[in-house]
Each structure stands twice: as structure tokens, then as C-alpha cells.
N, C-alpha and C. Protein backbone atom coordinates (compact mmCIF):
# COMPACT_ATOMS: atom_id res chain seq x y z
N UNK A 1 11.34 -13.49 -37.82
CA UNK A 1 10.49 -14.13 -36.86
C UNK A 1 9.43 -13.14 -36.40
N UNK A 2 8.20 -13.58 -36.32
CA UNK A 2 7.08 -12.73 -35.96
C UNK A 2 6.83 -12.77 -34.45
N UNK A 3 6.49 -11.63 -33.87
CA UNK A 3 6.16 -11.57 -32.45
C UNK A 3 4.66 -11.41 -32.23
N UNK A 4 3.87 -11.59 -33.25
CA UNK A 4 2.43 -11.46 -33.15
C UNK A 4 1.84 -12.67 -32.42
N UNK A 5 0.97 -12.40 -31.46
CA UNK A 5 0.27 -13.46 -30.73
C UNK A 5 -1.21 -13.20 -30.89
N UNK A 6 -1.95 -14.21 -31.29
CA UNK A 6 -3.39 -14.03 -31.52
C UNK A 6 -4.12 -13.79 -30.20
N UNK A 7 -5.34 -13.26 -30.29
CA UNK A 7 -6.14 -12.97 -29.10
C UNK A 7 -6.43 -14.22 -28.29
N UNK A 8 -6.71 -15.32 -28.97
CA UNK A 8 -7.03 -16.57 -28.28
C UNK A 8 -5.85 -17.08 -27.46
N UNK A 9 -4.68 -17.04 -28.06
CA UNK A 9 -3.48 -17.49 -27.35
C UNK A 9 -3.16 -16.54 -26.20
N UNK A 10 -3.31 -15.23 -26.43
CA UNK A 10 -3.07 -14.25 -25.36
C UNK A 10 -4.04 -14.47 -24.20
N UNK A 11 -5.32 -14.76 -24.49
CA UNK A 11 -6.31 -15.02 -23.45
C UNK A 11 -5.95 -16.27 -22.66
N UNK A 12 -5.49 -17.32 -23.34
CA UNK A 12 -5.09 -18.55 -22.65
C UNK A 12 -3.85 -18.32 -21.78
N UNK A 13 -2.90 -17.54 -22.27
CA UNK A 13 -1.71 -17.23 -21.48
C UNK A 13 -2.07 -16.41 -20.24
N UNK A 14 -2.97 -15.43 -20.39
CA UNK A 14 -3.42 -14.64 -19.24
C UNK A 14 -4.14 -15.52 -18.22
N UNK A 15 -4.99 -16.44 -18.70
CA UNK A 15 -5.72 -17.33 -17.80
C UNK A 15 -4.75 -18.23 -17.04
N UNK A 16 -3.74 -18.75 -17.71
CA UNK A 16 -2.74 -19.60 -17.04
C UNK A 16 -1.94 -18.81 -16.02
N UNK A 17 -1.58 -17.57 -16.35
CA UNK A 17 -0.83 -16.72 -15.42
C UNK A 17 -1.66 -16.40 -14.18
N UNK A 18 -2.94 -16.08 -14.38
CA UNK A 18 -3.82 -15.76 -13.25
C UNK A 18 -4.04 -16.99 -12.38
N UNK A 19 -4.22 -18.15 -12.99
CA UNK A 19 -4.40 -19.38 -12.21
C UNK A 19 -3.16 -19.67 -11.36
N UNK A 20 -1.99 -19.43 -11.91
CA UNK A 20 -0.75 -19.64 -11.17
C UNK A 20 -0.63 -18.66 -10.00
N UNK A 21 -0.99 -17.40 -10.23
CA UNK A 21 -0.93 -16.40 -9.15
C UNK A 21 -1.95 -16.71 -8.06
N UNK A 22 -3.15 -17.15 -8.43
CA UNK A 22 -4.18 -17.49 -7.44
C UNK A 22 -3.75 -18.66 -6.58
N UNK A 23 -3.09 -19.61 -7.19
CA UNK A 23 -2.66 -20.80 -6.47
C UNK A 23 -1.57 -20.49 -5.46
N UNK A 24 -0.69 -19.57 -5.78
CA UNK A 24 0.46 -19.29 -4.91
C UNK A 24 0.21 -18.18 -3.88
N UNK A 25 -0.87 -17.44 -4.01
CA UNK A 25 -1.09 -16.29 -3.12
C UNK A 25 -1.94 -16.68 -1.91
N UNK A 26 -1.52 -16.21 -0.73
CA UNK A 26 -2.31 -16.38 0.49
C UNK A 26 -3.09 -15.12 0.83
N UNK A 27 -2.81 -14.04 0.11
CA UNK A 27 -3.43 -12.75 0.40
C UNK A 27 -4.86 -12.70 -0.09
N UNK A 28 -5.71 -11.99 0.68
CA UNK A 28 -7.09 -11.78 0.25
C UNK A 28 -7.56 -10.41 0.71
N UNK A 29 -8.53 -9.88 -0.02
CA UNK A 29 -9.14 -8.61 0.32
C UNK A 29 -10.58 -8.89 0.75
N UNK A 30 -11.01 -8.26 1.82
CA UNK A 30 -12.37 -8.44 2.31
C UNK A 30 -13.12 -7.12 2.27
N UNK A 31 -14.33 -7.20 1.74
CA UNK A 31 -15.24 -6.06 1.70
C UNK A 31 -16.55 -6.55 2.26
N UNK A 32 -16.85 -6.15 3.50
CA UNK A 32 -18.05 -6.66 4.17
C UNK A 32 -17.88 -8.14 4.47
N UNK A 33 -18.83 -8.96 4.01
CA UNK A 33 -18.75 -10.41 4.21
C UNK A 33 -18.10 -11.13 3.04
N UNK A 34 -17.74 -10.41 1.99
CA UNK A 34 -17.17 -11.02 0.79
C UNK A 34 -15.64 -10.99 0.86
N UNK A 35 -15.03 -12.06 0.34
CA UNK A 35 -13.58 -12.19 0.34
C UNK A 35 -13.12 -12.57 -1.07
N UNK A 36 -12.03 -11.91 -1.54
CA UNK A 36 -11.51 -12.14 -2.88
C UNK A 36 -10.01 -12.31 -2.82
N UNK A 37 -9.47 -13.21 -3.62
CA UNK A 37 -8.04 -13.52 -3.66
C UNK A 37 -7.27 -12.38 -4.32
N UNK A 38 -6.17 -11.97 -3.70
CA UNK A 38 -5.28 -10.95 -4.26
C UNK A 38 -4.21 -11.67 -5.07
N UNK A 39 -4.05 -11.26 -6.32
CA UNK A 39 -3.03 -11.86 -7.18
C UNK A 39 -1.66 -11.28 -6.92
N UNK A 40 -1.59 -9.95 -6.82
CA UNK A 40 -0.32 -9.26 -6.58
C UNK A 40 -0.57 -8.10 -5.63
N UNK A 41 0.42 -7.81 -4.80
CA UNK A 41 0.36 -6.68 -3.87
C UNK A 41 1.66 -5.92 -3.99
N UNK A 42 1.58 -4.60 -4.11
CA UNK A 42 2.78 -3.76 -4.16
C UNK A 42 2.55 -2.57 -3.24
N UNK A 43 3.51 -1.69 -3.15
CA UNK A 43 3.48 -0.59 -2.17
C UNK A 43 2.28 0.32 -2.35
N UNK A 44 1.87 0.61 -3.59
CA UNK A 44 0.80 1.56 -3.84
C UNK A 44 -0.53 0.92 -4.22
N UNK A 45 -0.63 -0.41 -4.22
CA UNK A 45 -1.89 -1.03 -4.61
C UNK A 45 -1.82 -2.54 -4.68
N UNK A 46 -2.84 -3.12 -5.32
CA UNK A 46 -2.93 -4.56 -5.47
C UNK A 46 -3.76 -4.88 -6.70
N UNK A 47 -3.74 -6.16 -7.09
CA UNK A 47 -4.49 -6.62 -8.26
C UNK A 47 -5.29 -7.86 -7.90
N UNK A 48 -6.51 -7.95 -8.42
CA UNK A 48 -7.38 -9.11 -8.26
C UNK A 48 -7.82 -9.57 -9.64
N UNK A 49 -8.42 -10.75 -9.71
CA UNK A 49 -8.91 -11.26 -10.98
C UNK A 49 -10.14 -10.47 -11.40
N UNK A 50 -10.12 -9.92 -12.60
CA UNK A 50 -11.21 -9.06 -13.06
C UNK A 50 -12.50 -9.82 -13.29
N UNK A 51 -12.43 -11.05 -13.79
CA UNK A 51 -13.63 -11.81 -14.13
C UNK A 51 -14.37 -12.29 -12.89
N UNK A 52 -13.67 -12.61 -11.81
CA UNK A 52 -14.29 -13.19 -10.62
C UNK A 52 -14.64 -12.16 -9.54
N UNK A 53 -14.11 -10.98 -9.63
CA UNK A 53 -14.26 -9.99 -8.57
C UNK A 53 -15.09 -8.81 -9.07
N UNK A 54 -16.14 -8.43 -8.32
CA UNK A 54 -16.88 -7.22 -8.72
C UNK A 54 -16.02 -5.99 -8.47
N UNK A 55 -16.44 -4.87 -9.00
CA UNK A 55 -15.71 -3.62 -8.78
C UNK A 55 -15.70 -3.29 -7.30
N UNK A 56 -14.52 -3.13 -6.75
CA UNK A 56 -14.36 -2.78 -5.34
C UNK A 56 -14.16 -1.29 -5.23
N UNK A 57 -14.62 -0.74 -4.12
CA UNK A 57 -14.45 0.69 -3.88
C UNK A 57 -14.66 0.97 -2.41
N UNK A 58 -13.87 1.87 -1.88
CA UNK A 58 -14.07 2.27 -0.49
C UNK A 58 -13.11 1.60 0.46
N UNK A 59 -13.60 1.33 1.67
CA UNK A 59 -12.78 0.80 2.75
C UNK A 59 -12.77 -0.73 2.71
N UNK A 60 -11.58 -1.33 2.60
CA UNK A 60 -11.42 -2.78 2.55
C UNK A 60 -10.34 -3.19 3.55
N UNK A 61 -10.33 -4.49 3.87
CA UNK A 61 -9.31 -5.06 4.74
C UNK A 61 -8.50 -6.07 3.96
N UNK A 62 -7.19 -6.09 4.18
CA UNK A 62 -6.30 -7.04 3.50
C UNK A 62 -5.75 -8.00 4.55
N UNK A 63 -5.84 -9.30 4.23
CA UNK A 63 -5.41 -10.36 5.14
C UNK A 63 -4.37 -11.23 4.46
N UNK A 64 -3.45 -11.77 5.26
CA UNK A 64 -2.52 -12.81 4.84
C UNK A 64 -2.88 -14.03 5.66
N UNK A 65 -3.65 -14.94 5.09
CA UNK A 65 -4.17 -16.06 5.86
C UNK A 65 -5.14 -15.52 6.89
N UNK A 66 -4.86 -15.73 8.18
CA UNK A 66 -5.72 -15.21 9.24
C UNK A 66 -5.21 -13.90 9.82
N UNK A 67 -4.05 -13.43 9.39
CA UNK A 67 -3.45 -12.20 9.92
C UNK A 67 -3.98 -10.98 9.19
N UNK A 68 -4.53 -10.05 9.96
CA UNK A 68 -5.03 -8.80 9.40
C UNK A 68 -3.84 -7.88 9.18
N UNK A 69 -3.55 -7.55 7.91
CA UNK A 69 -2.39 -6.73 7.58
C UNK A 69 -2.70 -5.24 7.51
N UNK A 70 -3.70 -4.88 6.69
CA UNK A 70 -3.97 -3.47 6.41
C UNK A 70 -5.47 -3.20 6.37
N UNK A 71 -5.81 -1.96 6.67
CA UNK A 71 -7.13 -1.43 6.39
C UNK A 71 -6.90 -0.30 5.39
N UNK A 72 -7.55 -0.39 4.22
CA UNK A 72 -7.22 0.48 3.11
C UNK A 72 -8.45 1.15 2.52
N UNK A 73 -8.25 2.35 2.03
CA UNK A 73 -9.23 3.05 1.23
C UNK A 73 -8.71 2.97 -0.20
N UNK A 74 -9.53 2.39 -1.11
CA UNK A 74 -9.03 2.10 -2.46
C UNK A 74 -9.89 2.73 -3.54
N UNK A 75 -9.30 2.87 -4.70
CA UNK A 75 -9.99 3.28 -5.93
C UNK A 75 -9.50 2.40 -7.06
N UNK A 76 -10.37 2.14 -8.04
CA UNK A 76 -9.98 1.33 -9.20
C UNK A 76 -9.03 2.14 -10.07
N UNK A 77 -7.99 1.48 -10.56
CA UNK A 77 -7.00 2.15 -11.38
C UNK A 77 -7.14 1.76 -12.85
N UNK A 78 -6.98 0.47 -13.15
CA UNK A 78 -7.07 0.03 -14.55
C UNK A 78 -7.25 -1.48 -14.61
N UNK A 79 -7.74 -1.95 -15.74
CA UNK A 79 -7.85 -3.38 -16.01
C UNK A 79 -6.83 -3.73 -17.08
N UNK A 80 -6.05 -4.78 -16.81
CA UNK A 80 -4.99 -5.15 -17.75
C UNK A 80 -4.72 -6.65 -17.66
N UNK A 81 -4.84 -7.35 -18.76
CA UNK A 81 -4.49 -8.76 -18.82
C UNK A 81 -5.29 -9.64 -17.90
N UNK A 82 -6.57 -9.37 -17.73
CA UNK A 82 -7.40 -10.19 -16.86
C UNK A 82 -7.32 -9.81 -15.39
N UNK A 83 -6.55 -8.78 -15.07
CA UNK A 83 -6.42 -8.29 -13.70
C UNK A 83 -7.07 -6.93 -13.56
N UNK A 84 -7.71 -6.70 -12.43
CA UNK A 84 -8.19 -5.37 -12.08
C UNK A 84 -7.25 -4.82 -11.03
N UNK A 85 -6.65 -3.68 -11.31
CA UNK A 85 -5.67 -3.10 -10.41
C UNK A 85 -6.30 -1.96 -9.63
N UNK A 86 -6.00 -1.90 -8.35
CA UNK A 86 -6.52 -0.87 -7.45
C UNK A 86 -5.36 -0.13 -6.82
N UNK A 87 -5.57 1.14 -6.54
CA UNK A 87 -4.57 1.96 -5.88
C UNK A 87 -5.07 2.35 -4.50
N UNK A 88 -4.14 2.50 -3.57
CA UNK A 88 -4.46 2.92 -2.21
C UNK A 88 -4.57 4.43 -2.15
N UNK A 89 -5.67 4.93 -1.60
CA UNK A 89 -5.74 6.35 -1.23
C UNK A 89 -5.21 6.51 0.19
N UNK A 90 -5.47 5.46 1.00
CA UNK A 90 -4.97 5.41 2.38
C UNK A 90 -4.69 3.96 2.69
N UNK A 91 -3.58 3.68 3.33
CA UNK A 91 -3.19 2.33 3.67
C UNK A 91 -2.67 2.34 5.10
N UNK A 92 -3.43 1.78 6.04
CA UNK A 92 -3.09 1.81 7.45
C UNK A 92 -2.76 0.40 7.93
N UNK A 93 -1.63 0.23 8.59
CA UNK A 93 -1.24 -1.06 9.12
C UNK A 93 -2.17 -1.41 10.28
N UNK A 94 -2.69 -2.63 10.28
CA UNK A 94 -3.59 -3.08 11.34
C UNK A 94 -2.76 -3.56 12.53
N UNK A 95 -3.20 -3.22 13.73
CA UNK A 95 -2.53 -3.68 14.94
C UNK A 95 -3.54 -4.39 15.82
N UNK A 96 -3.04 -5.20 16.76
CA UNK A 96 -3.94 -5.95 17.62
C UNK A 96 -4.21 -5.27 18.96
N UNK A 97 -3.66 -4.08 19.14
CA UNK A 97 -3.93 -3.33 20.38
C UNK A 97 -4.09 -1.86 20.05
N UNK A 98 -4.78 -1.15 20.91
CA UNK A 98 -5.05 0.27 20.71
C UNK A 98 -3.76 1.07 20.90
N UNK A 99 -3.59 2.14 20.14
CA UNK A 99 -2.39 2.97 20.33
C UNK A 99 -2.45 3.71 21.66
N UNK A 100 -1.28 3.91 22.26
CA UNK A 100 -1.20 4.66 23.52
C UNK A 100 -1.10 6.14 23.22
N UNK A 101 -1.73 6.95 24.05
CA UNK A 101 -1.61 8.40 23.88
C UNK A 101 -0.69 9.01 24.94
N UNK A 102 0.15 8.15 25.54
CA UNK A 102 1.13 8.60 26.52
C UNK A 102 2.34 7.68 26.45
N UNK A 103 3.45 8.12 27.03
CA UNK A 103 4.67 7.31 27.05
C UNK A 103 4.60 6.30 28.18
N UNK A 104 4.86 5.05 27.87
CA UNK A 104 4.91 4.00 28.89
C UNK A 104 6.36 3.57 29.06
N UNK A 105 6.86 3.71 30.29
CA UNK A 105 8.25 3.33 30.57
C UNK A 105 8.42 1.82 30.40
N UNK A 106 9.57 1.39 29.90
CA UNK A 106 9.77 -0.04 29.69
C UNK A 106 9.72 -0.87 30.98
N UNK A 107 10.08 -0.25 32.12
CA UNK A 107 10.07 -0.98 33.39
C UNK A 107 8.81 -0.70 34.21
N UNK A 108 7.78 -0.13 33.62
CA UNK A 108 6.54 0.17 34.33
C UNK A 108 5.81 -1.13 34.67
N UNK A 109 5.09 -1.15 35.80
CA UNK A 109 4.34 -2.36 36.15
C UNK A 109 3.20 -2.60 35.15
N UNK A 110 2.90 -3.86 34.93
CA UNK A 110 1.83 -4.22 34.01
C UNK A 110 0.47 -3.99 34.64
N UNK A 111 0.34 -4.33 35.91
CA UNK A 111 -0.93 -4.17 36.62
C UNK A 111 -0.64 -3.93 38.10
N UNK A 112 -1.61 -3.38 38.80
CA UNK A 112 -1.50 -3.16 40.23
C UNK A 112 -2.42 -4.17 40.92
N UNK A 113 -1.87 -4.89 41.88
CA UNK A 113 -2.65 -5.89 42.61
C UNK A 113 -2.95 -5.37 44.01
N UNK A 114 -4.20 -5.49 44.39
CA UNK A 114 -4.58 -5.10 45.75
C UNK A 114 -4.63 -6.33 46.65
N UNK A 115 -4.20 -6.17 47.88
CA UNK A 115 -4.20 -7.29 48.82
C UNK A 115 -5.32 -7.09 49.82
N UNK A 116 -6.00 -8.17 50.15
CA UNK A 116 -7.08 -8.15 51.15
C UNK A 116 -6.58 -8.77 52.43
N UNK A 117 -6.94 -8.19 53.55
CA UNK A 117 -6.53 -8.76 54.87
C UNK A 117 -7.43 -9.88 55.25
């Protein structure tokens, strides 16, 4: 039995796999005003569709729907099977509040209210 697959069949299989990944993924990468669908995300990087996405480089934001997950510094790694894979040089978790530079006691008051006579 032969395991040879022609280029045309391989291209169709890659296109079907990418379409399936695009349909099931909620993740997206944003660079400026542009947004692109993420096909796969792993600890050290992510993959996007090579044909639809221009070469990305620099500081990008990763979202899951409307939730901001990460702010990342990325570099292109390789293109494989219709996917462009990127690696993180820096990957910072996004938060909705500024970090504190001091210890806040758990029972500390939230605010101080002044009373007027």
C-alpha cells in the first residue's frame, strides 16, 4: 500500500483542516486596527492562516472573544501546511486593573467617606 499523497490532495486536506480550525476558534490576534483569527495557541506561540494574514511582527494583543488575554512580542517562526507559526519573545497576561506597588490588607477599607455637618 502506498502512502504517497499528491500535492493537490494535500492542499485540499490542508484547506479543509484550516477551515475547521477557523470555524471552531474564538481566539484572535490584533495588530493596530487589524484583527486575524488564531488557528492554534500553545505555550510558546500561535498559528494563523498564512494565505489570509500578512506577516506579523512586534507587539500584538491576543483576545478570546471580547476578553483581552495577552499582550505579546512576537517573531515569525515557520510556515507549515498553510499555517504561519509565530513564537513569543514576551508574553504578558493582560489585567483589567493596574498592579499595586504596596501590600493591601484584605480587611482594608475600600474608600474613605467624609461627612459634612
